[in-house]
N, C-alpha and C. Protein backbone atom coordinates (compact mmCIF):
# COMPACT_ATOMS: atom_id res chain seq x y z
N MET A 1 9.13 29.79 2.68
CA MET A 1 9.92 28.57 2.62
C MET A 1 9.17 27.45 3.31
N ALA A 2 9.09 26.31 2.68
CA ALA A 2 8.33 25.19 3.22
C ALA A 2 9.09 24.54 4.37
N ASP A 3 8.35 24.07 5.34
CA ASP A 3 8.92 23.37 6.47
C ASP A 3 9.35 21.99 6.01
N SER A 4 10.65 21.70 6.10
CA SER A 4 11.16 20.42 5.57
C SER A 4 10.64 19.23 6.37
N SER A 5 10.25 19.43 7.64
CA SER A 5 9.71 18.31 8.40
C SER A 5 8.37 17.88 7.85
N ILE A 6 7.60 18.81 7.29
CA ILE A 6 6.31 18.46 6.70
C ILE A 6 6.50 17.90 5.31
N THR A 7 7.27 18.56 4.47
CA THR A 7 7.45 18.09 3.10
C THR A 7 8.18 16.77 3.06
N GLY A 8 9.10 16.53 3.98
CA GLY A 8 9.84 15.28 4.03
C GLY A 8 8.95 14.10 4.37
N MET A 9 7.85 14.37 5.08
CA MET A 9 6.99 13.29 5.51
C MET A 9 5.98 12.87 4.46
N MET A 10 5.97 13.49 3.31
CA MET A 10 5.04 13.12 2.26
C MET A 10 5.66 12.11 1.29
N ASP A 11 6.83 11.62 1.61
CA ASP A 11 7.57 10.78 0.67
C ASP A 11 6.81 9.53 0.22
N ILE A 12 6.11 8.84 1.11
CA ILE A 12 5.39 7.63 0.70
C ILE A 12 4.31 7.97 -0.32
N PHE A 13 3.58 9.06 -0.09
CA PHE A 13 2.51 9.44 -1.01
C PHE A 13 3.06 9.90 -2.36
N ARG A 14 4.33 10.22 -2.42
CA ARG A 14 4.97 10.62 -3.69
C ARG A 14 5.72 9.48 -4.36
N HIS A 15 5.78 8.34 -3.71
CA HIS A 15 6.52 7.20 -4.26
C HIS A 15 5.82 6.72 -5.52
N PRO A 16 6.57 6.50 -6.61
CA PRO A 16 5.94 6.08 -7.88
C PRO A 16 5.08 4.82 -7.76
N ILE A 17 5.50 3.86 -6.97
CA ILE A 17 4.69 2.64 -6.82
C ILE A 17 3.39 2.95 -6.12
N PHE A 18 3.43 3.78 -5.09
CA PHE A 18 2.20 4.17 -4.39
C PHE A 18 1.26 4.89 -5.35
N ILE A 19 1.80 5.80 -6.13
CA ILE A 19 0.98 6.57 -7.07
C ILE A 19 0.37 5.65 -8.13
N ILE A 20 1.18 4.78 -8.72
CA ILE A 20 0.69 3.88 -9.77
C ILE A 20 -0.36 2.93 -9.20
N ALA A 21 -0.09 2.34 -8.03
CA ALA A 21 -1.05 1.40 -7.43
C ALA A 21 -2.36 2.10 -7.09
N SER A 22 -2.28 3.30 -6.54
CA SER A 22 -3.49 4.06 -6.20
C SER A 22 -4.28 4.42 -7.45
N LEU A 23 -3.59 4.92 -8.46
CA LEU A 23 -4.27 5.27 -9.71
C LEU A 23 -4.90 4.05 -10.38
N ALA A 24 -4.18 2.93 -10.38
CA ALA A 24 -4.71 1.71 -10.99
C ALA A 24 -5.99 1.29 -10.27
N PHE A 25 -5.99 1.38 -8.95
CA PHE A 25 -7.19 1.04 -8.19
C PHE A 25 -8.35 1.95 -8.55
N TRP A 26 -8.11 3.27 -8.54
CA TRP A 26 -9.20 4.23 -8.79
C TRP A 26 -9.70 4.18 -10.23
N VAL A 27 -8.80 4.00 -11.18
CA VAL A 27 -9.22 3.88 -12.58
C VAL A 27 -10.07 2.62 -12.76
N ASN A 28 -9.63 1.52 -12.18
CA ASN A 28 -10.40 0.28 -12.28
C ASN A 28 -11.77 0.43 -11.63
N LEU A 29 -11.82 1.07 -10.48
CA LEU A 29 -13.09 1.30 -9.80
C LEU A 29 -14.03 2.14 -10.67
N TYR A 30 -13.50 3.18 -11.29
CA TYR A 30 -14.29 4.03 -12.18
C TYR A 30 -14.81 3.23 -13.38
N LEU A 31 -13.91 2.46 -14.00
CA LEU A 31 -14.32 1.66 -15.16
C LEU A 31 -15.42 0.68 -14.80
N GLU A 32 -15.28 0.01 -13.66
CA GLU A 32 -16.26 -1.00 -13.29
C GLU A 32 -17.58 -0.39 -12.81
N LYS A 33 -17.50 0.61 -11.95
CA LYS A 33 -18.72 1.15 -11.33
C LYS A 33 -19.44 2.17 -12.21
N SER A 34 -18.70 2.95 -12.97
CA SER A 34 -19.32 4.01 -13.77
C SER A 34 -19.58 3.60 -15.22
N LEU A 35 -18.66 2.85 -15.81
CA LEU A 35 -18.77 2.51 -17.23
C LEU A 35 -19.13 1.04 -17.47
N ASP A 36 -19.20 0.27 -16.40
CA ASP A 36 -19.52 -1.15 -16.50
C ASP A 36 -18.54 -1.90 -17.41
N ILE A 37 -17.26 -1.50 -17.33
CA ILE A 37 -16.20 -2.14 -18.10
C ILE A 37 -15.35 -2.97 -17.13
N PHE A 38 -15.21 -4.24 -17.43
CA PHE A 38 -14.44 -5.13 -16.58
C PHE A 38 -13.26 -5.69 -17.37
N ILE A 39 -12.06 -5.43 -16.92
CA ILE A 39 -10.86 -5.97 -17.54
C ILE A 39 -10.62 -7.33 -16.87
N PRO A 40 -10.74 -8.43 -17.61
CA PRO A 40 -10.81 -9.76 -17.00
C PRO A 40 -9.79 -10.07 -15.90
N TYR A 41 -8.52 -10.10 -16.20
CA TYR A 41 -7.54 -10.50 -15.17
C TYR A 41 -7.36 -9.42 -14.12
N TYR A 42 -7.42 -8.18 -14.54
CA TYR A 42 -7.29 -7.11 -13.54
C TYR A 42 -8.48 -7.13 -12.60
N HIS A 43 -9.67 -7.37 -13.13
CA HIS A 43 -10.87 -7.44 -12.30
C HIS A 43 -10.71 -8.50 -11.20
N SER A 44 -10.09 -9.63 -11.53
CA SER A 44 -9.94 -10.72 -10.58
C SER A 44 -8.78 -10.51 -9.60
N TYR A 45 -7.65 -9.96 -10.09
CA TYR A 45 -6.45 -9.95 -9.25
C TYR A 45 -5.70 -8.63 -9.18
N GLY A 46 -6.03 -7.68 -10.02
CA GLY A 46 -5.28 -6.42 -10.04
C GLY A 46 -5.37 -5.65 -8.74
N ASP A 47 -6.59 -5.49 -8.23
CA ASP A 47 -6.74 -4.76 -6.97
C ASP A 47 -6.04 -5.48 -5.83
N ASP A 48 -6.04 -6.81 -5.86
CA ASP A 48 -5.35 -7.59 -4.82
C ASP A 48 -3.84 -7.33 -4.87
N LEU A 49 -3.30 -7.21 -6.06
CA LEU A 49 -1.87 -6.93 -6.22
C LEU A 49 -1.54 -5.51 -5.75
N MET A 50 -2.41 -4.56 -6.05
CA MET A 50 -2.16 -3.16 -5.70
C MET A 50 -2.47 -2.84 -4.24
N ALA A 51 -3.30 -3.68 -3.60
CA ALA A 51 -3.78 -3.37 -2.25
C ALA A 51 -2.66 -3.20 -1.23
N MET A 52 -1.72 -4.11 -1.21
CA MET A 52 -0.73 -4.08 -0.13
C MET A 52 0.23 -2.89 -0.24
N PRO A 53 0.74 -2.52 -1.42
CA PRO A 53 1.55 -1.30 -1.46
C PRO A 53 0.76 -0.07 -1.01
N VAL A 54 -0.52 -0.01 -1.34
CA VAL A 54 -1.33 1.14 -0.93
C VAL A 54 -1.62 1.09 0.58
N VAL A 55 -2.09 -0.04 1.07
CA VAL A 55 -2.44 -0.16 2.49
C VAL A 55 -1.21 0.01 3.37
N PHE A 56 -0.14 -0.72 3.07
CA PHE A 56 1.08 -0.58 3.87
C PHE A 56 1.68 0.82 3.71
N GLY A 57 1.57 1.39 2.52
CA GLY A 57 2.09 2.74 2.30
C GLY A 57 1.36 3.77 3.16
N ILE A 58 0.04 3.69 3.20
CA ILE A 58 -0.74 4.61 4.04
C ILE A 58 -0.40 4.39 5.51
N CYS A 59 -0.33 3.14 5.93
CA CYS A 59 0.01 2.83 7.33
C CYS A 59 1.39 3.36 7.70
N LEU A 60 2.36 3.16 6.82
CA LEU A 60 3.71 3.64 7.10
C LEU A 60 3.74 5.16 7.18
N GLN A 61 3.03 5.82 6.27
CA GLN A 61 3.01 7.28 6.32
C GLN A 61 2.38 7.78 7.62
N LEU A 62 1.25 7.19 8.01
CA LEU A 62 0.60 7.58 9.27
C LEU A 62 1.53 7.35 10.45
N MET A 63 2.21 6.21 10.48
CA MET A 63 3.15 5.93 11.57
C MET A 63 4.30 6.93 11.59
N ARG A 64 4.78 7.31 10.41
CA ARG A 64 5.88 8.28 10.35
C ARG A 64 5.46 9.66 10.87
N TRP A 65 4.19 9.99 10.75
CA TRP A 65 3.72 11.27 11.28
C TRP A 65 3.75 11.31 12.80
N ILE A 66 3.56 10.15 13.45
CA ILE A 66 3.46 10.16 14.91
C ILE A 66 4.65 9.51 15.63
N HIS A 67 5.44 8.70 14.95
CA HIS A 67 6.55 7.98 15.58
C HIS A 67 7.78 8.88 15.69
N PRO A 68 8.54 8.76 16.78
CA PRO A 68 9.74 9.59 16.93
C PRO A 68 10.79 9.41 15.83
N LEU A 69 10.84 8.24 15.20
CA LEU A 69 11.82 8.02 14.13
C LEU A 69 11.48 8.76 12.84
N LYS A 70 10.22 9.21 12.72
CA LYS A 70 9.73 9.95 11.54
C LYS A 70 10.07 9.20 10.26
N THR A 71 10.83 9.84 9.36
CA THR A 71 11.09 9.26 8.04
C THR A 71 12.06 8.09 8.07
N GLU A 72 12.68 7.83 9.21
CA GLU A 72 13.59 6.69 9.33
C GLU A 72 12.83 5.40 9.64
N LEU A 73 11.56 5.51 10.04
CA LEU A 73 10.77 4.35 10.42
C LEU A 73 10.49 3.46 9.21
N THR A 74 10.67 2.17 9.39
CA THR A 74 10.28 1.17 8.39
C THR A 74 9.58 0.03 9.14
N PHE A 75 8.85 -0.79 8.40
CA PHE A 75 8.19 -1.95 9.00
C PHE A 75 9.12 -3.15 8.95
N SER A 76 9.09 -3.95 10.01
CA SER A 76 9.88 -5.18 10.03
C SER A 76 9.19 -6.25 9.18
N LYS A 77 9.93 -7.30 8.85
CA LYS A 77 9.34 -8.42 8.11
C LYS A 77 8.19 -9.03 8.92
N LYS A 78 8.37 -9.11 10.22
CA LYS A 78 7.34 -9.68 11.09
C LYS A 78 6.06 -8.83 11.03
N GLN A 79 6.20 -7.52 11.08
CA GLN A 79 5.03 -6.64 11.01
C GLN A 79 4.31 -6.80 9.67
N LEU A 80 5.08 -6.90 8.59
CA LEU A 80 4.46 -7.08 7.27
C LEU A 80 3.78 -8.44 7.16
N LEU A 81 4.38 -9.47 7.73
CA LEU A 81 3.76 -10.80 7.71
C LEU A 81 2.46 -10.79 8.51
N ILE A 82 2.44 -10.11 9.65
CA ILE A 82 1.22 -10.02 10.45
C ILE A 82 0.14 -9.27 9.66
N GLY A 83 0.51 -8.16 9.02
CA GLY A 83 -0.44 -7.40 8.21
C GLY A 83 -0.98 -8.21 7.05
N LEU A 84 -0.10 -8.92 6.36
CA LEU A 84 -0.51 -9.78 5.24
C LEU A 84 -1.45 -10.89 5.72
N THR A 85 -1.12 -11.50 6.84
CA THR A 85 -1.96 -12.57 7.39
C THR A 85 -3.33 -12.02 7.77
N TYR A 86 -3.34 -10.90 8.45
CA TYR A 86 -4.60 -10.28 8.87
C TYR A 86 -5.48 -9.96 7.65
N PHE A 87 -4.88 -9.31 6.67
CA PHE A 87 -5.60 -8.93 5.45
C PHE A 87 -6.16 -10.18 4.75
N SER A 88 -5.36 -11.22 4.64
CA SER A 88 -5.78 -12.46 3.98
C SER A 88 -6.93 -13.12 4.72
N ILE A 89 -6.84 -13.18 6.05
CA ILE A 89 -7.91 -13.81 6.83
C ILE A 89 -9.21 -13.01 6.72
N VAL A 90 -9.11 -11.69 6.85
CA VAL A 90 -10.32 -10.86 6.79
C VAL A 90 -10.99 -10.98 5.42
N PHE A 91 -10.21 -10.81 4.33
CA PHE A 91 -10.81 -10.76 2.99
C PHE A 91 -11.04 -12.12 2.35
N GLU A 92 -10.35 -13.14 2.80
CA GLU A 92 -10.50 -14.44 2.15
C GLU A 92 -11.17 -15.50 3.02
N VAL A 93 -11.38 -15.19 4.30
CA VAL A 93 -12.06 -16.14 5.18
C VAL A 93 -13.29 -15.50 5.82
N VAL A 94 -13.07 -14.44 6.59
CA VAL A 94 -14.15 -13.85 7.39
C VAL A 94 -15.24 -13.23 6.51
N LEU A 95 -14.89 -12.32 5.63
CA LEU A 95 -15.91 -11.65 4.81
C LEU A 95 -16.68 -12.62 3.90
N PRO A 96 -16.02 -13.58 3.23
CA PRO A 96 -16.81 -14.54 2.44
C PRO A 96 -17.74 -15.40 3.31
N TRP A 97 -17.35 -15.65 4.55
CA TRP A 97 -18.19 -16.42 5.46
C TRP A 97 -19.40 -15.61 5.91
N LEU A 98 -19.21 -14.28 6.06
CA LEU A 98 -20.28 -13.41 6.55
C LEU A 98 -21.23 -12.93 5.46
N SER A 99 -20.75 -12.85 4.22
CA SER A 99 -21.55 -12.23 3.17
C SER A 99 -21.32 -12.91 1.83
N THR A 100 -22.38 -13.04 1.06
CA THR A 100 -22.26 -13.61 -0.29
C THR A 100 -21.68 -12.59 -1.28
N THR A 101 -21.54 -11.34 -0.85
CA THR A 101 -20.91 -10.31 -1.69
C THR A 101 -19.45 -10.65 -1.94
N TYR A 102 -18.82 -11.31 -0.97
CA TYR A 102 -17.40 -11.65 -1.05
C TYR A 102 -17.23 -13.11 -1.40
N ARG A 103 -16.15 -13.39 -2.14
CA ARG A 103 -15.85 -14.76 -2.54
C ARG A 103 -14.40 -15.06 -2.21
N ALA A 104 -14.17 -16.15 -1.53
CA ALA A 104 -12.80 -16.55 -1.19
C ALA A 104 -12.09 -17.06 -2.43
N ASP A 105 -10.86 -16.63 -2.61
CA ASP A 105 -10.05 -17.07 -3.74
C ASP A 105 -8.61 -17.17 -3.25
N PRO A 106 -8.07 -18.39 -3.12
CA PRO A 106 -6.69 -18.54 -2.64
C PRO A 106 -5.66 -17.80 -3.49
N LEU A 107 -5.94 -17.59 -4.77
CA LEU A 107 -5.01 -16.84 -5.61
C LEU A 107 -4.89 -15.38 -5.16
N ASP A 108 -5.94 -14.85 -4.54
CA ASP A 108 -5.87 -13.49 -4.01
C ASP A 108 -4.72 -13.38 -3.01
N VAL A 109 -4.55 -14.39 -2.17
CA VAL A 109 -3.49 -14.37 -1.16
C VAL A 109 -2.12 -14.33 -1.83
N ILE A 110 -1.98 -15.01 -2.95
CA ILE A 110 -0.71 -14.96 -3.69
C ILE A 110 -0.44 -13.54 -4.17
N PHE A 111 -1.48 -12.86 -4.67
CA PHE A 111 -1.29 -11.49 -5.14
C PHE A 111 -1.07 -10.52 -3.98
N TYR A 112 -1.72 -10.75 -2.83
CA TYR A 112 -1.42 -9.94 -1.64
C TYR A 112 0.05 -10.11 -1.25
N THR A 113 0.52 -11.36 -1.36
CA THR A 113 1.92 -11.65 -0.99
C THR A 113 2.89 -10.97 -1.95
N ILE A 114 2.60 -11.01 -3.23
CA ILE A 114 3.46 -10.32 -4.21
C ILE A 114 3.46 -8.83 -3.93
N GLY A 115 2.29 -8.25 -3.67
CA GLY A 115 2.20 -6.83 -3.36
C GLY A 115 2.98 -6.46 -2.10
N THR A 116 2.93 -7.35 -1.10
CA THR A 116 3.71 -7.13 0.12
C THR A 116 5.20 -7.16 -0.19
N GLY A 117 5.60 -8.09 -1.06
CA GLY A 117 7.01 -8.15 -1.47
C GLY A 117 7.45 -6.89 -2.20
N VAL A 118 6.58 -6.37 -3.05
CA VAL A 118 6.89 -5.12 -3.76
C VAL A 118 7.04 -3.98 -2.75
N PHE A 119 6.11 -3.90 -1.80
CA PHE A 119 6.21 -2.86 -0.77
C PHE A 119 7.52 -3.00 -0.01
N TYR A 120 7.82 -4.21 0.46
CA TYR A 120 9.02 -4.44 1.25
C TYR A 120 10.29 -4.08 0.47
N THR A 121 10.34 -4.49 -0.77
CA THR A 121 11.56 -4.32 -1.57
C THR A 121 11.78 -2.87 -2.02
N PHE A 122 10.72 -2.18 -2.40
CA PHE A 122 10.88 -0.88 -3.04
C PHE A 122 10.40 0.32 -2.22
N MET A 123 9.48 0.12 -1.29
CA MET A 123 8.90 1.27 -0.60
C MET A 123 9.27 1.35 0.88
N ASN A 124 9.55 0.25 1.50
CA ASN A 124 9.80 0.18 2.94
C ASN A 124 11.24 0.57 3.25
N LYS A 125 11.59 1.79 2.88
CA LYS A 125 12.95 2.30 3.05
C LYS A 125 12.89 3.62 3.81
N PRO A 126 13.93 3.90 4.60
CA PRO A 126 13.96 5.24 5.21
C PRO A 126 13.99 6.30 4.11
N ALA A 127 13.28 7.39 4.33
CA ALA A 127 13.25 8.47 3.34
C ALA A 127 14.61 9.16 3.32
N LEU A 128 15.06 9.46 2.15
CA LEU A 128 16.32 10.19 2.02
C LEU A 128 16.13 11.62 2.49
N GLN A 129 17.00 12.05 3.34
CA GLN A 129 16.92 13.42 3.84
C GLN A 129 17.81 14.32 2.98
N PRO A 130 17.33 15.52 2.67
CA PRO A 130 18.18 16.42 1.90
C PRO A 130 19.40 16.81 2.72
N LYS A 131 20.53 16.91 2.03
CA LYS A 131 21.76 17.30 2.70
C LYS A 131 21.69 18.76 3.08
N LYS A 132 22.12 19.04 4.29
CA LYS A 132 22.16 20.43 4.74
C LYS A 132 23.56 20.94 4.53
N PHE A 133 23.66 22.00 3.76
CA PHE A 133 24.95 22.58 3.47
C PHE A 133 25.23 23.68 4.49
N PRO A 134 26.48 23.78 4.94
CA PRO A 134 26.79 24.82 5.91
C PRO A 134 26.58 26.21 5.31
N VAL A 135 26.09 27.10 6.14
CA VAL A 135 25.92 28.48 5.72
C VAL A 135 27.24 29.19 5.83
N LEU A 136 27.61 29.88 4.78
CA LEU A 136 28.90 30.58 4.79
C LEU A 136 28.78 31.95 5.39
């Protein structure tokens, strides 16, 4: 019998949005790096849209493994805003300033913001716990 404390903590990694966003990222990476296929709009903004549900999802799962609230833990709006701001500054200001490999694009921040909204609305919820039925 599986330990419910372990299986219950995998909920973020099983969330359909997390799975779709992760797969979209990896498929796009494979297409671009292995097959040299670039899907125009996805190449420019798709990964930016998918990034925040994946990044916040991984962070939330890691926090749930170590925080006393476990599956009840969620991120506050303030925490998400700080994460979004940090991500935007690093990828749209600092890295383009340090390297020509990166290019600043203000539209990326819009897609990070939409992704953060998707995470907040659909994924940032306490995990439902299975009901325990009394033993007869």
